[in-house]
């Protein structure tokens, strides 16, 4: 499974640098010079990082073979991806990578199956997308509503407030 670790933004300057908005907990490792990243759309990559530097809350990245502003602009909006098997689990027991949650069976505290986690959305607050027979439900990923995550057991306990699954 491929995971997005960043999205290319605007060109910066005239020498091929682009701004990159990162979506990874380890930008230093993911965007190290020499690293190669898969792209979406695939026809634009893979891209190899030549140089990187922080700038205004983002990274400025120069990719090998992208030598001017025109070439850099063609990359705008491109997703930068890594294979999920290259990402090690978090040492924090309360922190999870999206790929660890996707596919878990969602059950209520009494064990009633209510669906399956099919996605995680990051819209200011992390939301689990739970596929249910009547349609997808968005569940805020907070301890009050999700008291237990059992990745090895393949399940997640959701304690829904009234109306969440109706």
C-alpha atoms as a PDB file:
ATOM      1  CA  UNK A   1       0.000   0.000   0.000  1.00  0.00           C
ATOM      2  CA  UNK A   2       1.319   3.435  -0.913  1.00  0.00           C
ATOM      3  CA  UNK A   3       0.986   6.317   1.554  1.00  0.00           C
ATOM      4  CA  UNK A   4       1.176  10.027   0.826  1.00  0.00           C
ATOM      5  CA  UNK A   5       4.004  11.800   2.645  1.00  0.00           C
ATOM      6  CA  UNK A   6       3.655  15.140   0.871  1.00  0.00           C
ATOM      7  CA  UNK A   7       2.174  17.196  -1.924  1.00  0.00           C
ATOM      8  CA  UNK A   8       4.146  19.427  -4.259  1.00  0.00           C
ATOM      9  CA  UNK A   9       3.070  23.052  -4.281  1.00  0.00           C
ATOM     10  CA  UNK A  10       4.302  26.086  -6.190  1.00  0.00           C
ATOM     11  CA  UNK A  11       7.662  26.500  -7.824  1.00  0.00           C
ATOM     12  CA  UNK A  12      10.072  28.598  -5.778  1.00  0.00           C
ATOM     13  CA  UNK A  13      12.621  30.681  -7.622  1.00  0.00           C
ATOM     14  CA  UNK A  14      14.024  29.876 -11.047  1.00  0.00           C
ATOM     15  CA  UNK A  15      16.300  26.905 -10.322  1.00  0.00           C
ATOM     16  CA  UNK A  16      13.702  24.139 -10.031  1.00  0.00           C
ATOM     17  CA  UNK A  17      12.855  24.207  -6.330  1.00  0.00           C
ATOM     18  CA  UNK A  18       9.268  23.469  -5.284  1.00  0.00           C
ATOM     19  CA  UNK A  19       7.454  23.912  -2.002  1.00  0.00           C
ATOM     20  CA  UNK A  20       6.282  20.666  -0.431  1.00  0.00           C
ATOM     21  CA  UNK A  21       3.577  20.396   2.193  1.00  0.00           C
ATOM     22  CA  UNK A  22       4.519  17.334   4.226  1.00  0.00           C
ATOM     23  CA  UNK A  23       2.115  14.822   5.743  1.00  0.00           C
ATOM     24  CA  UNK A  24       4.555  12.576   7.564  1.00  0.00           C
ATOM     25  CA  UNK A  25       5.780  12.342  11.125  1.00  0.00           C
ATOM     26  CA  UNK A  26       9.380  12.015   9.913  1.00  0.00           C
ATOM     27  CA  UNK A  27      10.054  14.561   7.151  1.00  0.00           C
ATOM     28  CA  UNK A  28      13.795  14.403   7.828  1.00  0.00           C
ATOM     29  CA  UNK A  29      13.930  10.754   6.776  1.00  0.00           C
ATOM     30  CA  UNK A  30      11.318  10.870   4.016  1.00  0.00           C
ATOM     31  CA  UNK A  31      12.808  13.943   2.330  1.00  0.00           C
ATOM     32  CA  UNK A  32      16.518  13.262   2.802  1.00  0.00           C
ATOM     33  CA  UNK A  33      18.752  13.990  -0.197  1.00  0.00           C
ATOM     34  CA  UNK A  34      19.089  10.854  -2.302  1.00  0.00           C
ATOM     35  CA  UNK A  35      15.650   9.529  -1.317  1.00  0.00           C
ATOM     36  CA  UNK A  36      13.409   8.425  -4.137  1.00  0.00           C
ATOM     37  CA  UNK A  37       9.647   8.952  -3.950  1.00  0.00           C
ATOM     38  CA  UNK A  38       6.865   7.418  -6.002  1.00  0.00           C
ATOM     39  CA  UNK A  39       4.425   9.942  -7.472  1.00  0.00           C
ATOM     40  CA  UNK A  40       0.733  10.228  -8.205  1.00  0.00           C
ATOM     41  CA  UNK A  41       0.354  10.677 -11.129  1.00  0.00           C
ATOM     42  CA  UNK A  42       2.896   7.896 -11.714  1.00  0.00           C
ATOM     43  CA  UNK A  43       4.076   9.317 -15.076  1.00  0.00           C
ATOM     44  CA  UNK A  44       5.863  12.159 -13.222  1.00  0.00           C
ATOM     45  CA  UNK A  45       8.080   9.941 -11.121  1.00  0.00           C
ATOM     46  CA  UNK A  46       9.791   8.492  -9.366  1.00  0.00           C
ATOM     47  CA  UNK A  47      11.478  11.650  -8.132  1.00  0.00           C
ATOM     48  CA  UNK A  48      14.872  11.678  -6.415  1.00  0.00           C
ATOM     49  CA  UNK A  49      15.537  14.398  -3.863  1.00  0.00           C
ATOM     50  CA  UNK A  50      18.618  16.434  -4.666  1.00  0.00           C
ATOM     51  CA  UNK A  51      18.356  19.055  -1.908  1.00  0.00           C
ATOM     52  CA  UNK A  52      15.922  20.145   0.777  1.00  0.00           C
ATOM     53  CA  UNK A  53      15.632  23.079   3.161  1.00  0.00           C
ATOM     54  CA  UNK A  54      12.934  24.436   5.488  1.00  0.00           C
ATOM     55  CA  UNK A  55      11.076  27.596   4.484  1.00  0.00           C
ATOM     56  CA  UNK A  56       7.963  29.225   6.027  1.00  0.00           C
ATOM     57  CA  UNK A  57       6.541  26.026   7.562  1.00  0.00           C
ATOM     58  CA  UNK A  58       7.133  23.931   4.453  1.00  0.00           C
ATOM     59  CA  UNK A  59      10.054  22.324   2.756  1.00  0.00           C
ATOM     60  CA  UNK A  60      11.711  23.611  -0.373  1.00  0.00           C
ATOM     61  CA  UNK A  61      12.820  20.618  -2.378  1.00  0.00           C
ATOM     62  CA  UNK A  62      14.852  20.264  -5.522  1.00  0.00           C
ATOM     63  CA  UNK A  63      14.479  17.023  -7.450  1.00  0.00           C
ATOM     64  CA  UNK A  64      17.124  15.561  -9.739  1.00  0.00           C
ATOM     65  CA  UNK A  65      16.480  16.546 -13.356  1.00  0.00           C
ATOM     66  CA  UNK A  66      14.141  19.407 -12.447  1.00  0.00           C
ATOM     67  CA  UNK A  67      16.413  22.320 -13.277  1.00  0.00           C
ATOM     68  CA  UNK A  68      14.167  25.319 -13.902  1.00  0.00           C
ATOM     69  CA  UNK A  69      10.906  26.960 -12.913  1.00  0.00           C
ATOM     70  CA  UNK A  70       9.033  25.622 -15.952  1.00  0.00           C
ATOM     71  CA  UNK A  71       9.897  22.021 -15.104  1.00  0.00           C
ATOM     72  CA  UNK A  72       9.079  22.634 -11.430  1.00  0.00           C
ATOM     73  CA  UNK A  73       5.627  24.023 -12.280  1.00  0.00           C
ATOM     74  CA  UNK A  74       4.718  20.794 -14.119  1.00  0.00           C
ATOM     75  CA  UNK A  75       4.981  18.965 -10.759  1.00  0.00           C
ATOM     76  CA  UNK A  76       2.469  21.186  -8.913  1.00  0.00           C
ATOM     77  CA  UNK A  77      -0.206  19.142  -7.132  1.00  0.00           C
ATOM     78  CA  UNK A  78       1.726  15.864  -7.405  1.00  0.00           C
ATOM     79  CA  UNK A  79       1.422  13.533  -4.428  1.00  0.00           C
ATOM     80  CA  UNK A  80       4.653  12.078  -3.062  1.00  0.00           C
ATOM     81  CA  UNK A  81       4.279   8.484  -1.871  1.00  0.00           C
ATOM     82  CA  UNK A  82       6.159   5.784   0.029  1.00  0.00           C
ATOM     83  CA  UNK A  83       5.435   2.089   0.502  1.00  0.00           C
ATOM     84  CA  UNK A  84       3.717   1.493   3.863  1.00  0.00           C
ATOM     85  CA  UNK A  85       6.078  -1.417   4.564  1.00  0.00           C
ATOM     86  CA  UNK A  86       8.907   1.161   4.752  1.00  0.00           C
ATOM     87  CA  UNK A  87       7.238   2.893   7.714  1.00  0.00           C
ATOM     88  CA  UNK A  88       7.923   1.426  11.139  1.00  0.00           C
ATOM     89  CA  UNK A  89       5.188   1.362  13.795  1.00  0.00           C
ATOM     90  CA  UNK A  90       5.088   4.208  16.280  1.00  0.00           C
ATOM     91  CA  UNK A  91       6.698   3.668  19.677  1.00  0.00           C
ATOM     92  CA  UNK A  92       3.768   5.531  21.271  1.00  0.00           C
ATOM     93  CA  UNK A  93       0.984   3.022  22.075  1.00  0.00           C
ATOM     94  CA  UNK A  94      -1.651   5.728  21.490  1.00  0.00           C
ATOM     95  CA  UNK A  95      -0.367   6.692  18.025  1.00  0.00           C
ATOM     96  CA  UNK A  96      -1.278   4.850  14.846  1.00  0.00           C
ATOM     97  CA  UNK A  97      -0.473   5.148  11.174  1.00  0.00           C
ATOM     98  CA  UNK A  98      -3.465   5.256   8.842  1.00  0.00           C
ATOM     99  CA  UNK A  99      -2.558   1.919   7.267  1.00  0.00           C
ATOM    100  CA  UNK A 100      -2.731   0.247  10.692  1.00  0.00           C
ATOM    101  CA  UNK A 101      -6.341   1.380  11.171  1.00  0.00           C
ATOM    102  CA  UNK A 102      -7.679   0.729   7.680  1.00  0.00           C
ATOM    103  CA  UNK A 103      -9.245  -2.725   7.523  1.00  0.00           C
ATOM    104  CA  UNK A 104      -9.983  -3.041  11.254  1.00  0.00           C
ATOM    105  CA  UNK A 105     -13.440  -4.358  12.138  1.00  0.00           C
ATOM    106  CA  UNK A 106     -15.377  -1.765  14.145  1.00  0.00           C
ATOM    107  CA  UNK A 107     -17.314  -3.123  17.137  1.00  0.00           C
ATOM    108  CA  UNK A 108     -19.273  -1.528  19.976  1.00  0.00           C
ATOM    109  CA  UNK A 109     -18.171  -2.093  23.609  1.00  0.00           C
ATOM    110  CA  UNK A 110     -20.584  -5.065  23.829  1.00  0.00           C
ATOM    111  CA  UNK A 111     -18.917  -6.693  20.788  1.00  0.00           C
ATOM    112  CA  UNK A 112     -21.578  -5.907  18.177  1.00  0.00           C
ATOM    113  CA  UNK A 113     -19.965  -5.469  14.764  1.00  0.00           C
ATOM    114  CA  UNK A 114     -20.886  -2.106  13.230  1.00  0.00           C
ATOM    115  CA  UNK A 115     -18.642  -1.923  10.166  1.00  0.00           C
ATOM    116  CA  UNK A 116     -15.077  -1.682   8.906  1.00  0.00           C
ATOM    117  CA  UNK A 117     -12.603   1.198   8.926  1.00  0.00           C
ATOM    118  CA  UNK A 118     -12.013   1.976   5.238  1.00  0.00           C
ATOM    119  CA  UNK A 119     -10.176   5.296   5.472  1.00  0.00           C
ATOM    120  CA  UNK A 120      -8.853   7.976   7.820  1.00  0.00           C
ATOM    121  CA  UNK A 121      -9.529  11.615   6.971  1.00  0.00           C
ATOM    122  CA  UNK A 122      -7.455  14.440   8.405  1.00  0.00           C
ATOM    123  CA  UNK A 123      -9.738  17.465   8.320  1.00  0.00           C
ATOM    124  CA  UNK A 124      -8.635  19.471  11.328  1.00  0.00           C
ATOM    125  CA  UNK A 125      -9.606  16.447  13.414  1.00  0.00           C
ATOM    126  CA  UNK A 126      -8.818  12.842  12.541  1.00  0.00           C
ATOM    127  CA  UNK A 127     -11.949  11.021  11.405  1.00  0.00           C
ATOM    128  CA  UNK A 128     -12.333   7.289  10.910  1.00  0.00           C
ATOM    129  CA  UNK A 129     -14.460   6.409   7.881  1.00  0.00           C
ATOM    130  CA  UNK A 130     -16.470   3.356   8.932  1.00  0.00           C
ATOM    131  CA  UNK A 131     -18.182   1.484   6.102  1.00  0.00           C
ATOM    132  CA  UNK A 132     -21.624   0.306   7.181  1.00  0.00           C
ATOM    133  CA  UNK A 133     -24.457  -1.346   5.275  1.00  0.00           C
ATOM    134  CA  UNK A 134     -26.498   1.892   5.427  1.00  0.00           C
ATOM    135  CA  UNK A 135     -23.584   4.107   4.322  1.00  0.00           C
ATOM    136  CA  UNK A 136     -20.281   5.380   5.647  1.00  0.00           C
ATOM    137  CA  UNK A 137     -20.095   6.983   9.081  1.00  0.00           C
ATOM    138  CA  UNK A 138     -17.441   9.487  10.170  1.00  0.00           C
ATOM    139  CA  UNK A 139     -16.187   8.820  13.686  1.00  0.00           C
ATOM    140  CA  UNK A 140     -13.923  11.344  15.432  1.00  0.00           C
ATOM    141  CA  UNK A 141     -10.760   9.474  16.415  1.00  0.00           C
ATOM    142  CA  UNK A 142     -10.732  10.501  20.085  1.00  0.00           C
ATOM    143  CA  UNK A 143     -10.411   8.298  23.164  1.00  0.00           C
ATOM    144  CA  UNK A 144     -13.938   9.117  24.377  1.00  0.00           C
ATOM    145  CA  UNK A 145     -15.419   7.540  21.234  1.00  0.00           C
ATOM    146  CA  UNK A 146     -12.642   5.054  20.403  1.00  0.00           C
ATOM    147  CA  UNK A 147     -11.537   3.581  23.733  1.00  0.00           C
ATOM    148  CA  UNK A 148      -9.643   0.618  22.277  1.00  0.00           C
ATOM    149  CA  UNK A 149      -7.570  -0.105  19.190  1.00  0.00           C
ATOM    150  CA  UNK A 150      -6.439  -3.720  18.827  1.00  0.00           C
ATOM    151  CA  UNK A 151      -4.329  -3.805  15.660  1.00  0.00           C
ATOM    152  CA  UNK A 152      -3.046  -7.392  16.163  1.00  0.00           C
ATOM    153  CA  UNK A 153      -6.623  -8.540  16.895  1.00  0.00           C
ATOM    154  CA  UNK A 154      -7.948  -6.724  13.839  1.00  0.00           C
ATOM    155  CA  UNK A 155     -10.590  -4.692  15.655  1.00  0.00           C
ATOM    156  CA  UNK A 156     -11.363  -1.248  16.960  1.00  0.00           C
ATOM    157  CA  UNK A 157     -13.914  -0.499  19.679  1.00  0.00           C
ATOM    158  CA  UNK A 158     -16.201   2.444  19.021  1.00  0.00           C
ATOM    159  CA  UNK A 159     -18.473   3.713  21.795  1.00  0.00           C
ATOM    160  CA  UNK A 160     -20.860   5.804  19.685  1.00  0.00           C
ATOM    161  CA  UNK A 161     -23.012   8.582  21.060  1.00  0.00           C
ATOM    162  CA  UNK A 162     -26.720   8.271  20.227  1.00  0.00           C
ATOM    163  CA  UNK A 163     -27.382   8.812  16.521  1.00  0.00           C
ATOM    164  CA  UNK A 164     -23.836   8.320  15.239  1.00  0.00           C
ATOM    165  CA  UNK A 165     -24.659   5.100  13.411  1.00  0.00           C
ATOM    166  CA  UNK A 166     -28.266   5.914  12.536  1.00  0.00           C
END
